[in-house]
Amino acid sequence: MDLVGRLSNRDLRTLLHTLTGADWKQEGRRARPSQGVAPDGRRKFGTVQDAIVTVLEQAGLEMRVREIHAGVEKLLGEPVSPSSVKDYLRKGCRRRVPLFEYHGRRGYRLAR
């Protein structure tokens, strides 16, 4: 019985020797940036939430979502997803101790 082209394939033999050889090393981890947006586009945890609270504190009155969103982008100096702002405002209203108050068309304000 002759083996034709299966185990005598030079490319496959080279690949198998490379994979099973002990002379390769795993690539080391890259250092993470200390601040700002990570290389994959994520911000440090809580950055947007802190910015929302800061914007509402400075305003001191009700603000609509688009105004809050614009203030957050101005404060952070980079684009922010509008859904991130809306989602955090909604969740902040539904907490056991609400962080925000919803006043209909007038918008949101910090809970007292």
PDB file of N, CA and C in Angstrom:
ATOM      1  N   MET A   1       0.847  -1.175   0.000  1.00  0.00           N
ATOM      2  CA  MET A   1       0.000   0.000   0.000  1.00  0.00           C
ATOM      3  C   MET A   1       0.893   1.239   0.000  1.00  0.00           C
ATOM      4  N   ASP A   2       0.693   2.109  -0.963  1.00  0.00           N
ATOM      5  CA  ASP A   2       1.494   3.323  -1.085  1.00  0.00           C
ATOM      6  C   ASP A   2       0.658   4.525  -0.658  1.00  0.00           C
ATOM      7  N   LEU A   3       1.318   5.443   0.058  1.00  0.00           N
ATOM      8  CA  LEU A   3       0.673   6.702   0.430  1.00  0.00           C
ATOM      9  C   LEU A   3       1.068   7.740  -0.611  1.00  0.00           C
ATOM     10  N   VAL A   4       0.104   8.311  -1.224  1.00  0.00           N
ATOM     11  CA  VAL A   4       0.389   9.265  -2.287  1.00  0.00           C
ATOM     12  C   VAL A   4      -0.033  10.661  -1.811  1.00  0.00           C
ATOM     13  N   GLY A   5       0.926  11.515  -1.574  1.00  0.00           N
ATOM     14  CA  GLY A   5       0.650  12.911  -1.287  1.00  0.00           C
ATOM     15  C   GLY A   5       0.104  13.233   0.084  1.00  0.00           C
ATOM     16  N   ARG A   6      -0.128  12.279   0.941  1.00  0.00           N
ATOM     17  CA  ARG A   6      -0.714  12.576   2.241  1.00  0.00           C
ATOM     18  C   ARG A   6       0.352  12.928   3.267  1.00  0.00           C
ATOM     19  N   LEU A   7       1.209  12.003   3.597  1.00  0.00           N
ATOM     20  CA  LEU A   7       2.232  12.259   4.609  1.00  0.00           C
ATOM     21  C   LEU A   7       3.533  12.757   4.007  1.00  0.00           C
ATOM     22  N   SER A   8       3.621  12.770   2.706  1.00  0.00           N
ATOM     23  CA  SER A   8       4.848  13.215   2.081  1.00  0.00           C
ATOM     24  C   SER A   8       4.759  14.664   1.607  1.00  0.00           C
ATOM     25  N   ASN A   9       3.715  15.362   1.967  1.00  0.00           N
ATOM     26  CA  ASN A   9       3.534  16.753   1.592  1.00  0.00           C
ATOM     27  C   ASN A   9       4.525  17.622   2.367  1.00  0.00           C
ATOM     28  N   ARG A  10       5.439  18.276   1.658  1.00  0.00           N
ATOM     29  CA  ARG A  10       6.495  19.062   2.309  1.00  0.00           C
ATOM     30  C   ARG A  10       5.920  20.254   3.088  1.00  0.00           C
ATOM     31  N   ASP A  11       4.941  20.938   2.517  1.00  0.00           N
ATOM     32  CA  ASP A  11       4.356  22.102   3.199  1.00  0.00           C
ATOM     33  C   ASP A  11       3.695  21.685   4.507  1.00  0.00           C
ATOM     34  N   LEU A  12       2.981  20.581   4.480  1.00  0.00           N
ATOM     35  CA  LEU A  12       2.321  20.099   5.682  1.00  0.00           C
ATOM     36  C   LEU A  12       3.343  19.656   6.719  1.00  0.00           C
ATOM     37  N   ARG A  13       4.382  18.989   6.285  1.00  0.00           N
ATOM     38  CA  ARG A  13       5.420  18.522   7.196  1.00  0.00           C
ATOM     39  C   ARG A  13       6.102  19.720   7.871  1.00  0.00           C
ATOM     40  N   THR A  14       6.398  20.773   7.116  1.00  0.00           N
ATOM     41  CA  THR A  14       7.018  21.977   7.670  1.00  0.00           C
ATOM     42  C   THR A  14       6.091  22.645   8.676  1.00  0.00           C
ATOM     43  N   LEU A  15       4.822  22.744   8.338  1.00  0.00           N
ATOM     44  CA  LEU A  15       3.846  23.344   9.234  1.00  0.00           C
ATOM     45  C   LEU A  15       3.727  22.558  10.534  1.00  0.00           C
ATOM     46  N   LEU A  16       3.675  21.237  10.432  1.00  0.00           N
ATOM     47  CA  LEU A  16       3.561  20.419  11.637  1.00  0.00           C
ATOM     48  C   LEU A  16       4.800  20.527  12.509  1.00  0.00           C
ATOM     49  N   HIS A  17       5.978  20.579  11.917  1.00  0.00           N
ATOM     50  CA  HIS A  17       7.209  20.743  12.702  1.00  0.00           C
ATOM     51  C   HIS A  17       7.237  22.102  13.389  1.00  0.00           C
ATOM     52  N   THR A  18       6.723  23.126  12.707  1.00  0.00           N
ATOM     53  CA  THR A  18       6.683  24.460  13.297  1.00  0.00           C
ATOM     54  C   THR A  18       5.732  24.494  14.490  1.00  0.00           C
ATOM     55  N   LEU A  19       4.575  23.885  14.340  1.00  0.00           N
ATOM     56  CA  LEU A  19       3.577  23.908  15.410  1.00  0.00           C
ATOM     57  C   LEU A  19       3.972  23.048  16.606  1.00  0.00           C
ATOM     58  N   THR A  20       4.656  21.939  16.343  1.00  0.00           N
ATOM     59  CA  THR A  20       5.010  21.045  17.450  1.00  0.00           C
ATOM     60  C   THR A  20       6.384  21.333  18.032  1.00  0.00           C
ATOM     61  N   GLY A  21       7.135  22.212  17.415  1.00  0.00           N
ATOM     62  CA  GLY A  21       8.464  22.548  17.935  1.00  0.00           C
ATOM     63  C   GLY A  21       8.364  23.362  19.214  1.00  0.00           C
ATOM     64  N   ALA A  22       9.361  23.270  20.041  1.00  0.00           N
ATOM     65  CA  ALA A  22       9.349  23.963  21.334  1.00  0.00           C
ATOM     66  C   ALA A  22      10.053  25.312  21.273  1.00  0.00           C
ATOM     67  N   ASP A  23      10.426  25.775  20.085  1.00  0.00           N
ATOM     68  CA  ASP A  23      11.204  27.007  19.986  1.00  0.00           C
ATOM     69  C   ASP A  23      10.347  28.255  19.778  1.00  0.00           C
ATOM     70  N   TRP A  24       9.033  28.165  19.829  1.00  0.00           N
ATOM     71  CA  TRP A  24       8.204  29.353  19.672  1.00  0.00           C
ATOM     72  C   TRP A  24       7.694  29.808  21.023  1.00  0.00           C
ATOM     73  N   LYS A  25       7.439  31.111  21.124  1.00  0.00           N
ATOM     74  CA  LYS A  25       6.967  31.712  22.378  1.00  0.00           C
ATOM     75  C   LYS A  25       5.672  32.464  22.125  1.00  0.00           C
ATOM     76  N   GLN A  26       4.892  32.561  23.176  1.00  0.00           N
ATOM     77  CA  GLN A  26       3.650  33.307  23.109  1.00  0.00           C
ATOM     78  C   GLN A  26       3.968  34.795  23.195  1.00  0.00           C
ATOM     79  N   GLU A  27       3.242  35.602  22.432  1.00  0.00           N
ATOM     80  CA  GLU A  27       3.476  37.036  22.443  1.00  0.00           C
ATOM     81  C   GLU A  27       3.057  37.617  23.791  1.00  0.00           C
ATOM     82  N   GLY A  28       3.865  38.515  24.325  1.00  0.00           N
ATOM     83  CA  GLY A  28       3.576  39.138  25.620  1.00  0.00           C
ATOM     84  C   GLY A  28       2.401  40.088  25.539  1.00  0.00           C
ATOM     85  N   ARG A  29       1.860  40.425  26.681  1.00  0.00           N
ATOM     86  CA  ARG A  29       0.736  41.365  26.735  1.00  0.00           C
ATOM     87  C   ARG A  29       1.223  42.784  26.540  1.00  0.00           C
ATOM     88  N   ARG A  30       0.393  43.558  25.899  1.00  0.00           N
ATOM     89  CA  ARG A  30       0.718  44.968  25.679  1.00  0.00           C
ATOM     90  C   ARG A  30       0.282  45.774  26.891  1.00  0.00           C
ATOM     91  N   ALA A  31       1.008  46.830  27.164  1.00  0.00           N
ATOM     92  CA  ALA A  31       0.653  47.705  28.283  1.00  0.00           C
ATOM     93  C   ALA A  31      -0.609  48.491  27.915  1.00  0.00           C
ATOM     94  N   ARG A  32      -1.527  48.623  28.863  1.00  0.00           N
ATOM     95  CA  ARG A  32      -2.759  49.371  28.644  1.00  0.00           C
ATOM     96  C   ARG A  32      -2.502  50.857  28.865  1.00  0.00           C
ATOM     97  N   PRO A  33      -3.146  51.706  28.092  1.00  0.00           N
ATOM     98  CA  PRO A  33      -2.987  53.140  28.316  1.00  0.00           C
ATOM     99  C   PRO A  33      -3.577  53.524  29.671  1.00  0.00           C
ATOM    100  N   SER A  34      -2.969  54.497  30.308  1.00  0.00           N
ATOM    101  CA  SER A  34      -3.374  54.859  31.659  1.00  0.00           C
ATOM    102  C   SER A  34      -4.689  55.629  31.705  1.00  0.00           C
ATOM    103  N   GLN A  35      -5.006  56.373  30.654  1.00  0.00           N
ATOM    104  CA  GLN A  35      -6.247  57.125  30.666  1.00  0.00           C
ATOM    105  C   GLN A  35      -6.751  57.307  29.245  1.00  0.00           C
ATOM    106  N   GLY A  36      -7.956  57.826  29.102  1.00  0.00           N
ATOM    107  CA  GLY A  36      -8.538  58.020  27.792  1.00  0.00           C
ATOM    108  C   GLY A  36      -9.205  56.756  27.285  1.00  0.00           C
ATOM    109  N   VAL A  37      -9.437  56.725  25.986  1.00  0.00           N
ATOM    110  CA  VAL A  37     -10.115  55.604  25.365  1.00  0.00           C
ATOM    111  C   VAL A  37      -9.106  54.485  25.113  1.00  0.00           C
ATOM    112  N   ALA A  38      -9.497  53.257  25.443  1.00  0.00           N
ATOM    113  CA  ALA A  38      -8.641  52.086  25.212  1.00  0.00           C
ATOM    114  C   ALA A  38      -8.538  51.836  23.707  1.00  0.00           C
ATOM    115  N   PRO A  39      -7.531  51.069  23.264  1.00  0.00           N
ATOM    116  CA  PRO A  39      -7.371  50.809  21.829  1.00  0.00           C
ATOM    117  C   PRO A  39      -8.598  50.181  21.173  1.00  0.00           C
ATOM    118  N   ASP A  40      -9.392  49.444  21.924  1.00  0.00           N
ATOM    119  CA  ASP A  40     -10.584  48.837  21.333  1.00  0.00           C
ATOM    120  C   ASP A  40     -11.799  49.754  21.400  1.00  0.00           C
ATOM    121  N   GLY A  41     -11.634  51.002  21.840  1.00  0.00           N
ATOM    122  CA  GLY A  41     -12.712  51.981  21.828  1.00  0.00           C
ATOM    123  C   GLY A  41     -13.475  52.135  23.123  1.00  0.00           C
ATOM    124  N   ARG A  42     -13.148  51.339  24.125  1.00  0.00           N
ATOM    125  CA  ARG A  42     -13.873  51.437  25.387  1.00  0.00           C
ATOM    126  C   ARG A  42     -13.242  52.498  26.285  1.00  0.00           C
ATOM    127  N   ARG A  43     -14.102  53.160  27.067  1.00  0.00           N
ATOM    128  CA  ARG A  43     -13.622  54.130  28.043  1.00  0.00           C
ATOM    129  C   ARG A  43     -13.462  53.463  29.393  1.00  0.00           C
ATOM    130  N   LYS A  44     -12.813  54.159  30.297  1.00  0.00           N
ATOM    131  CA  LYS A  44     -12.684  53.671  31.659  1.00  0.00           C
ATOM    132  C   LYS A  44     -14.082  53.573  32.272  1.00  0.00           C
ATOM    133  N   PHE A  45     -14.315  52.536  33.081  1.00  0.00           N
ATOM    134  CA  PHE A  45     -15.628  52.282  33.650  1.00  0.00           C
ATOM    135  C   PHE A  45     -16.121  53.495  34.443  1.00  0.00           C
ATOM    136  N   GLY A  46     -17.357  53.919  34.198  1.00  0.00           N
ATOM    137  CA  GLY A  46     -17.976  55.001  34.941  1.00  0.00           C
ATOM    138  C   GLY A  46     -17.712  56.388  34.395  1.00  0.00           C
ATOM    139  N   THR A  47     -16.953  56.508  33.315  1.00  0.00           N
ATOM    140  CA  THR A  47     -16.617  57.821  32.778  1.00  0.00           C
ATOM    141  C   THR A  47     -17.856  58.568  32.302  1.00  0.00           C
ATOM    142  N   VAL A  48     -18.698  57.897  31.531  1.00  0.00           N
ATOM    143  CA  VAL A  48     -19.902  58.552  30.997  1.00  0.00           C
ATOM    144  C   VAL A  48     -20.870  58.873  32.125  1.00  0.00           C
ATOM    145  N   GLN A  49     -21.031  57.958  33.069  1.00  0.00           N
ATOM    146  CA  GLN A  49     -21.950  58.188  34.184  1.00  0.00           C
ATOM    147  C   GLN A  49     -21.508  59.391  35.015  1.00  0.00           C
ATOM    148  N   ASP A  50     -20.222  59.477  35.307  1.00  0.00           N
ATOM    149  CA  ASP A  50     -19.715  60.616  36.067  1.00  0.00           C
ATOM    150  C   ASP A  50     -19.930  61.926  35.304  1.00  0.00           C
ATOM    151  N   ALA A  51     -19.758  61.879  33.993  1.00  0.00           N
ATOM    152  CA  ALA A  51     -19.955  63.077  33.177  1.00  0.00           C
ATOM    153  C   ALA A  51     -21.423  63.505  33.186  1.00  0.00           C
ATOM    154  N   ILE A  52     -22.343  62.550  33.138  1.00  0.00           N
ATOM    155  CA  ILE A  52     -23.775  62.883  33.177  1.00  0.00           C
ATOM    156  C   ILE A  52     -24.116  63.586  34.483  1.00  0.00           C
ATOM    157  N   VAL A  53     -23.643  63.037  35.587  1.00  0.00           N
ATOM    158  CA  VAL A  53     -23.916  63.643  36.895  1.00  0.00           C
ATOM    159  C   VAL A  53     -23.314  65.050  36.965  1.00  0.00           C
ATOM    160  N   THR A  54     -22.099  65.204  36.457  1.00  0.00           N
ATOM    161  CA  THR A  54     -21.438  66.516  36.479  1.00  0.00           C
ATOM    162  C   THR A  54     -22.228  67.536  35.666  1.00  0.00           C
ATOM    163  N   VAL A  55     -22.684  67.149  34.480  1.00  0.00           N
ATOM    164  CA  VAL A  55     -23.452  68.059  33.622  1.00  0.00           C
ATOM    165  C   VAL A  55     -24.732  68.488  34.325  1.00  0.00           C
ATOM    166  N   LEU A  56     -25.446  67.549  34.948  1.00  0.00           N
ATOM    167  CA  LEU A  56     -26.698  67.895  35.634  1.00  0.00           C
ATOM    168  C   LEU A  56     -26.440  68.723  36.890  1.00  0.00           C
ATOM    169  N   GLU A  57     -25.347  68.474  37.594  1.00  0.00           N
ATOM    170  CA  GLU A  57     -25.002  69.286  38.770  1.00  0.00           C
ATOM    171  C   GLU A  57     -24.744  70.730  38.370  1.00  0.00           C
ATOM    172  N   GLN A  58     -23.997  70.917  37.293  1.00  0.00           N
ATOM    173  CA  GLN A  58     -23.666  72.265  36.841  1.00  0.00           C
ATOM    174  C   GLN A  58     -24.898  73.016  36.357  1.00  0.00           C
ATOM    175  N   ALA A  59     -25.837  72.295  35.746  1.00  0.00           N
ATOM    176  CA  ALA A  59     -27.044  72.947  35.233  1.00  0.00           C
ATOM    177  C   ALA A  59     -27.970  73.353  36.376  1.00  0.00           C
ATOM    178  N   GLY A  60     -28.173  72.461  37.334  1.00  0.00           N
ATOM    179  CA  GLY A  60     -29.036  72.761  38.469  1.00  0.00           C
ATOM    180  C   GLY A  60     -30.520  72.780  38.158  1.00  0.00           C
ATOM    181  N   LEU A  61     -30.906  72.458  36.953  1.00  0.00           N
ATOM    182  CA  LEU A  61     -32.319  72.400  36.582  1.00  0.00           C
ATOM    183  C   LEU A  61     -32.532  71.267  35.595  1.00  0.00           C
ATOM    184  N   GLU A  62     -33.791  71.109  35.138  1.00  0.00           N
ATOM    185  CA  GLU A  62     -34.088  70.018  34.216  1.00  0.00           C
ATOM    186  C   GLU A  62     -33.371  70.235  32.886  1.00  0.00           C
ATOM    187  N   MET A  63     -32.928  69.132  32.319  1.00  0.00           N
ATOM    188  CA  MET A  63     -32.296  69.177  31.000  1.00  0.00           C
ATOM    189  C   MET A  63     -32.846  68.032  30.160  1.00  0.00           C
ATOM    190  N   ARG A  64     -33.021  68.291  28.876  1.00  0.00           N
ATOM    191  CA  ARG A  64     -33.455  67.244  27.959  1.00  0.00           C
ATOM    192  C   ARG A  64     -32.278  66.343  27.623  1.00  0.00           C
ATOM    193  N   VAL A  65     -32.587  65.148  27.163  1.00  0.00           N
ATOM    194  CA  VAL A  65     -31.544  64.153  26.889  1.00  0.00           C
ATOM    195  C   VAL A  65     -30.529  64.679  25.887  1.00  0.00           C
ATOM    196  N   ARG A  66     -30.983  65.342  24.825  1.00  0.00           N
ATOM    197  CA  ARG A  66     -30.015  65.826  23.825  1.00  0.00           C
ATOM    198  C   ARG A  66     -29.107  66.907  24.396  1.00  0.00           C
ATOM    199  N   GLU A  67     -29.606  67.715  25.335  1.00  0.00           N
ATOM    200  CA  GLU A  67     -28.756  68.721  25.984  1.00  0.00           C
ATOM    201  C   GLU A  67     -27.729  68.051  26.901  1.00  0.00           C
ATOM    202  N   ILE A  68     -28.172  67.034  27.619  1.00  0.00           N
ATOM    203  CA  ILE A  68     -27.259  66.287  28.495  1.00  0.00           C
ATOM    204  C   ILE A  68     -26.188  65.609  27.644  1.00  0.00           C
ATOM    205  N   HIS A  69     -26.613  65.001  26.545  1.00  0.00           N
ATOM    206  CA  HIS A  69     -25.678  64.317  25.643  1.00  0.00           C
ATOM    207  C   HIS A  69     -24.626  65.295  25.109  1.00  0.00           C
ATOM    208  N   ALA A  70     -25.065  66.469  24.679  1.00  0.00           N
ATOM    209  CA  ALA A  70     -24.128  67.474  24.167  1.00  0.00           C
ATOM    210  C   ALA A  70     -23.155  67.913  25.265  1.00  0.00           C
ATOM    211  N   GLY A  71     -23.659  68.074  26.488  1.00  0.00           N
ATOM    212  CA  GLY A  71     -22.795  68.456  27.604  1.00  0.00           C
ATOM    213  C   GLY A  71     -21.776  67.391  27.952  1.00  0.00           C
ATOM    214  N   VAL A  72     -22.183  66.130  27.860  1.00  0.00           N
ATOM    215  CA  VAL A  72     -21.268  65.017  28.146  1.00  0.00           C
ATOM    216  C   VAL A  72     -20.167  64.974  27.091  1.00  0.00           C
ATOM    217  N   GLU A  73     -20.535  65.111  25.826  1.00  0.00           N
ATOM    218  CA  GLU A  73     -19.523  65.105  24.763  1.00  0.00           C
ATOM    219  C   GLU A  73     -18.560  66.275  24.909  1.00  0.00           C
ATOM    220  N   LYS A  74     -19.081  67.426  25.289  1.00  0.00           N
ATOM    221  CA  LYS A  74     -18.215  68.604  25.486  1.00  0.00           C
ATOM    222  C   LYS A  74     -17.272  68.375  26.664  1.00  0.00           C
ATOM    223  N   LEU A  75     -17.788  67.796  27.734  1.00  0.00           N
ATOM    224  CA  LEU A  75     -16.984  67.549  28.926  1.00  0.00           C
ATOM    225  C   LEU A  75     -15.896  66.509  28.667  1.00  0.00           C
ATOM    226  N   LEU A  76     -16.233  65.436  27.952  1.00  0.00           N
ATOM    227  CA  LEU A  76     -15.264  64.372  27.676  1.00  0.00           C
ATOM    228  C   LEU A  76     -14.362  64.704  26.495  1.00  0.00           C
ATOM    229  N   GLY A  77     -14.817  65.593  25.617  1.00  0.00           N
ATOM    230  CA  GLY A  77     -14.017  65.978  24.467  1.00  0.00           C
ATOM    231  C   GLY A  77     -13.968  64.936  23.368  1.00  0.00           C
ATOM    232  N   GLU A  78     -14.949  64.039  23.338  1.00  0.00           N
ATOM    233  CA  GLU A  78     -14.991  62.999  22.311  1.00  0.00           C
ATOM    234  C   GLU A  78     -16.432  62.535  22.142  1.00  0.00           C
ATOM    235  N   PRO A  79     -16.748  61.888  21.019  1.00  0.00           N
ATOM    236  CA  PRO A  79     -18.128  61.435  20.797  1.00  0.00           C
ATOM    237  C   PRO A  79     -18.555  60.367  21.800  1.00  0.00           C
ATOM    238  N   VAL A  80     -19.821  60.437  22.176  1.00  0.00           N
ATOM    239  CA  VAL A  80     -20.418  59.470  23.100  1.00  0.00           C
ATOM    240  C   VAL A  80     -21.720  58.996  22.473  1.00  0.00           C
ATOM    241  N   SER A  81     -22.006  57.731  22.608  1.00  0.00           N
ATOM    242  CA  SER A  81     -23.240  57.181  22.060  1.00  0.00           C
ATOM    243  C   SER A  81     -24.442  57.772  22.798  1.00  0.00           C
ATOM    244  N   PRO A  82     -25.414  58.305  22.071  1.00  0.00           N
ATOM    245  CA  PRO A  82     -26.611  58.838  22.736  1.00  0.00           C
ATOM    246  C   PRO A  82     -27.340  57.775  23.551  1.00  0.00           C
ATOM    247  N   SER A  83     -27.286  56.518  23.099  1.00  0.00           N
ATOM    248  CA  SER A  83     -27.974  55.457  23.833  1.00  0.00           C
ATOM    249  C   SER A  83     -27.332  55.211  25.195  1.00  0.00           C
ATOM    250  N   SER A  84     -26.031  55.457  25.329  1.00  0.00           N
ATOM    251  CA  SER A  84     -25.372  55.302  26.631  1.00  0.00           C
ATOM    252  C   SER A  84     -25.930  56.310  27.632  1.00  0.00           C
ATOM    253  N   VAL A  85     -26.138  57.530  27.165  1.00  0.00           N
ATOM    254  CA  VAL A  85     -26.673  58.580  28.040  1.00  0.00           C
ATOM    255  C   VAL A  85     -28.117  58.269  28.412  1.00  0.00           C
ATOM    256  N   LYS A  86     -28.941  57.934  27.416  1.00  0.00           N
ATOM    257  CA  LYS A  86     -30.357  57.643  27.688  1.00  0.00           C
ATOM    258  C   LYS A  86     -30.518  56.442  28.610  1.00  0.00           C
ATOM    259  N   ASP A  87     -29.730  55.414  28.381  1.00  0.00           N
ATOM    260  CA  ASP A  87     -29.824  54.202  29.192  1.00  0.00           C
ATOM    261  C   ASP A  87     -29.467  54.489  30.650  1.00  0.00           C
ATOM    262  N   TYR A  88     -28.408  55.240  30.877  1.00  0.00           N
ATOM    263  CA  TYR A  88     -28.011  55.533  32.254  1.00  0.00           C
ATOM    264  C   TYR A  88     -29.035  56.423  32.948  1.00  0.00           C
ATOM    265  N   LEU A  89     -29.628  57.366  32.228  1.00  0.00           N
ATOM    266  CA  LEU A  89     -30.662  58.218  32.828  1.00  0.00           C
ATOM    267  C   LEU A  89     -31.879  57.386  33.238  1.00  0.00           C
ATOM    268  N   ARG A  90     -32.305  56.480  32.366  1.00  0.00           N
ATOM    269  CA  ARG A  90     -33.458  55.625  32.693  1.00  0.00           C
ATOM    270  C   ARG A  90     -33.170  54.735  33.901  1.00  0.00           C
ATOM    271  N   LYS A  91     -31.994  54.125  33.899  1.00  0.00           N
ATOM    272  CA  LYS A  91     -31.635  53.256  35.022  1.00  0.00           C
ATOM    273  C   LYS A  91     -31.497  54.045  36.313  1.00  0.00           C
ATOM    274  N   GLY A  92     -31.005  55.261  36.222  1.00  0.00           N
ATOM    275  CA  GLY A  92     -30.857  56.103  37.409  1.00  0.00           C
ATOM    276  C   GLY A  92     -32.183  56.496  38.022  1.00  0.00           C
ATOM    277  N   CYS A  93     -33.229  56.543  37.217  1.00  0.00           N
ATOM    278  CA  CYS A  93     -34.570  56.854  37.732  1.00  0.00           C
ATOM    279  C   CYS A  93     -35.208  55.659  38.415  1.00  0.00           C
ATOM    280  N   ARG A  94     -34.815  54.441  38.010  1.00  0.00           N
ATOM    281  CA  ARG A  94     -35.439  53.224  38.534  1.00  0.00           C
ATOM    282  C   ARG A  94     -34.692  52.594  39.702  1.00  0.00           C
ATOM    283  N   ARG A  95     -33.634  53.219  40.171  1.00  0.00           N
ATOM    284  CA  ARG A  95     -32.889  52.661  41.305  1.00  0.00           C
ATOM    285  C   ARG A  95     -33.734  52.710  42.571  1.00  0.00           C
ATOM    286  N   ARG A  96     -33.341  51.913  43.563  1.00  0.00           N
ATOM    287  CA  ARG A  96     -34.055  51.921  44.842  1.00  0.00           C
ATOM    288  C   ARG A  96     -34.052  53.332  45.432  1.00  0.00           C
ATOM    289  N   VAL A  97     -32.894  53.962  45.423  1.00  0.00           N
ATOM    290  CA  VAL A  97     -32.788  55.379  45.779  1.00  0.00           C
ATOM    291  C   VAL A  97     -32.457  56.096  44.469  1.00  0.00           C
ATOM    292  N   PRO A  98     -33.460  56.708  43.828  1.00  0.00           N
ATOM    293  CA  PRO A  98     -33.251  57.287  42.500  1.00  0.00           C
ATOM    294  C   PRO A  98     -32.161  58.352  42.486  1.00  0.00           C
ATOM    295  N   LEU A  99     -31.358  58.315  41.434  1.00  0.00           N
ATOM    296  CA  LEU A  99     -30.304  59.306  41.240  1.00  0.00           C
ATOM    297  C   LEU A  99     -30.844  60.490  40.442  1.00  0.00           C
ATOM    298  N   PHE A 100     -31.815  60.212  39.567  1.00  0.00           N
ATOM    299  CA  PHE A 100     -32.394  61.252  38.720  1.00  0.00           C
ATOM    300  C   PHE A 100     -33.912  61.261  38.874  1.00  0.00           C
ATOM    301  N   GLU A 101     -34.495  62.404  38.541  1.00  0.00           N
ATOM    302  CA  GLU A 101     -35.954  62.539  38.478  1.00  0.00           C
ATOM    303  C   GLU A 101     -36.325  62.857  37.036  1.00  0.00           C
ATOM    304  N   TYR A 102     -37.367  62.205  36.549  1.00  0.00           N
ATOM    305  CA  TYR A 102     -37.846  62.463  35.197  1.00  0.00           C
ATOM    306  C   TYR A 102     -39.039  63.402  35.274  1.00  0.00           C
ATOM    307  N   HIS A 103     -38.974  64.502  34.525  1.00  0.00           N
ATOM    308  CA  HIS A 103     -40.032  65.507  34.553  1.00  0.00           C
ATOM    309  C   HIS A 103     -40.682  65.659  33.177  1.00  0.00           C
ATOM    310  N   GLY A 104     -40.954  64.544  32.534  1.00  0.00           N
ATOM    311  CA  GLY A 104     -41.638  64.565  31.243  1.00  0.00           C
ATOM    312  C   GLY A 104     -40.854  65.318  30.185  1.00  0.00           C
ATOM    313  N   ARG A 105     -41.554  66.200  29.469  1.00  0.00           N
ATOM    314  CA  ARG A 105     -40.917  66.944  28.380  1.00  0.00           C
ATOM    315  C   ARG A 105     -39.834  67.894  28.860  1.00  0.00           C
ATOM    316  N   ARG A 106     -39.882  68.271  30.120  1.00  0.00           N
ATOM    317  CA  ARG A 106     -38.849  69.196  30.638  1.00  0.00           C
ATOM    318  C   ARG A 106     -37.510  68.477  30.781  1.00  0.00           C
ATOM    319  N   GLY A 107     -37.518  67.149  30.936  1.00  0.00           N
ATOM    320  CA  GLY A 107     -36.280  66.399  30.962  1.00  0.00           C
ATOM    321  C   GLY A 107     -35.948  65.797  32.312  1.00  0.00           C
ATOM    322  N   TYR A 108     -34.681  65.622  32.559  1.00  0.00           N
ATOM    323  CA  TYR A 108     -34.176  64.989  33.786  1.00  0.00           C
ATOM    324  C   TYR A 108     -33.467  66.006  34.655  1.00  0.00           C
ATOM    325  N   ARG A 109     -33.463  65.738  35.953  1.00  0.00           N
ATOM    326  CA  ARG A 109     -32.669  66.519  36.895  1.00  0.00           C
ATOM    327  C   ARG A 109     -32.183  65.588  37.986  1.00  0.00           C
ATOM    328  N   LEU A 110     -31.165  66.001  38.713  1.00  0.00           N
ATOM    329  CA  LEU A 110     -30.663  65.197  39.814  1.00  0.00           C
ATOM    330  C   LEU A 110     -31.708  65.120  40.923  1.00  0.00           C
ATOM    331  N   ALA A 111     -31.845  63.960  41.515  1.00  0.00           N
ATOM    332  CA  ALA A 111     -32.783  63.809  42.632  1.00  0.00           C
ATOM    333  C   ALA A 111     -32.215  64.535  43.841  1.00  0.00           C
ATOM    334  N   ARG A 112     -33.091  65.077  44.631  1.00  0.00           N
ATOM    335  CA  ARG A 112     -32.651  65.870  45.797  1.00  0.00           C
ATOM    336  C   ARG A 112     -32.353  65.002  46.962  1.00  0.00           C
TER     337      ARG A 112
END
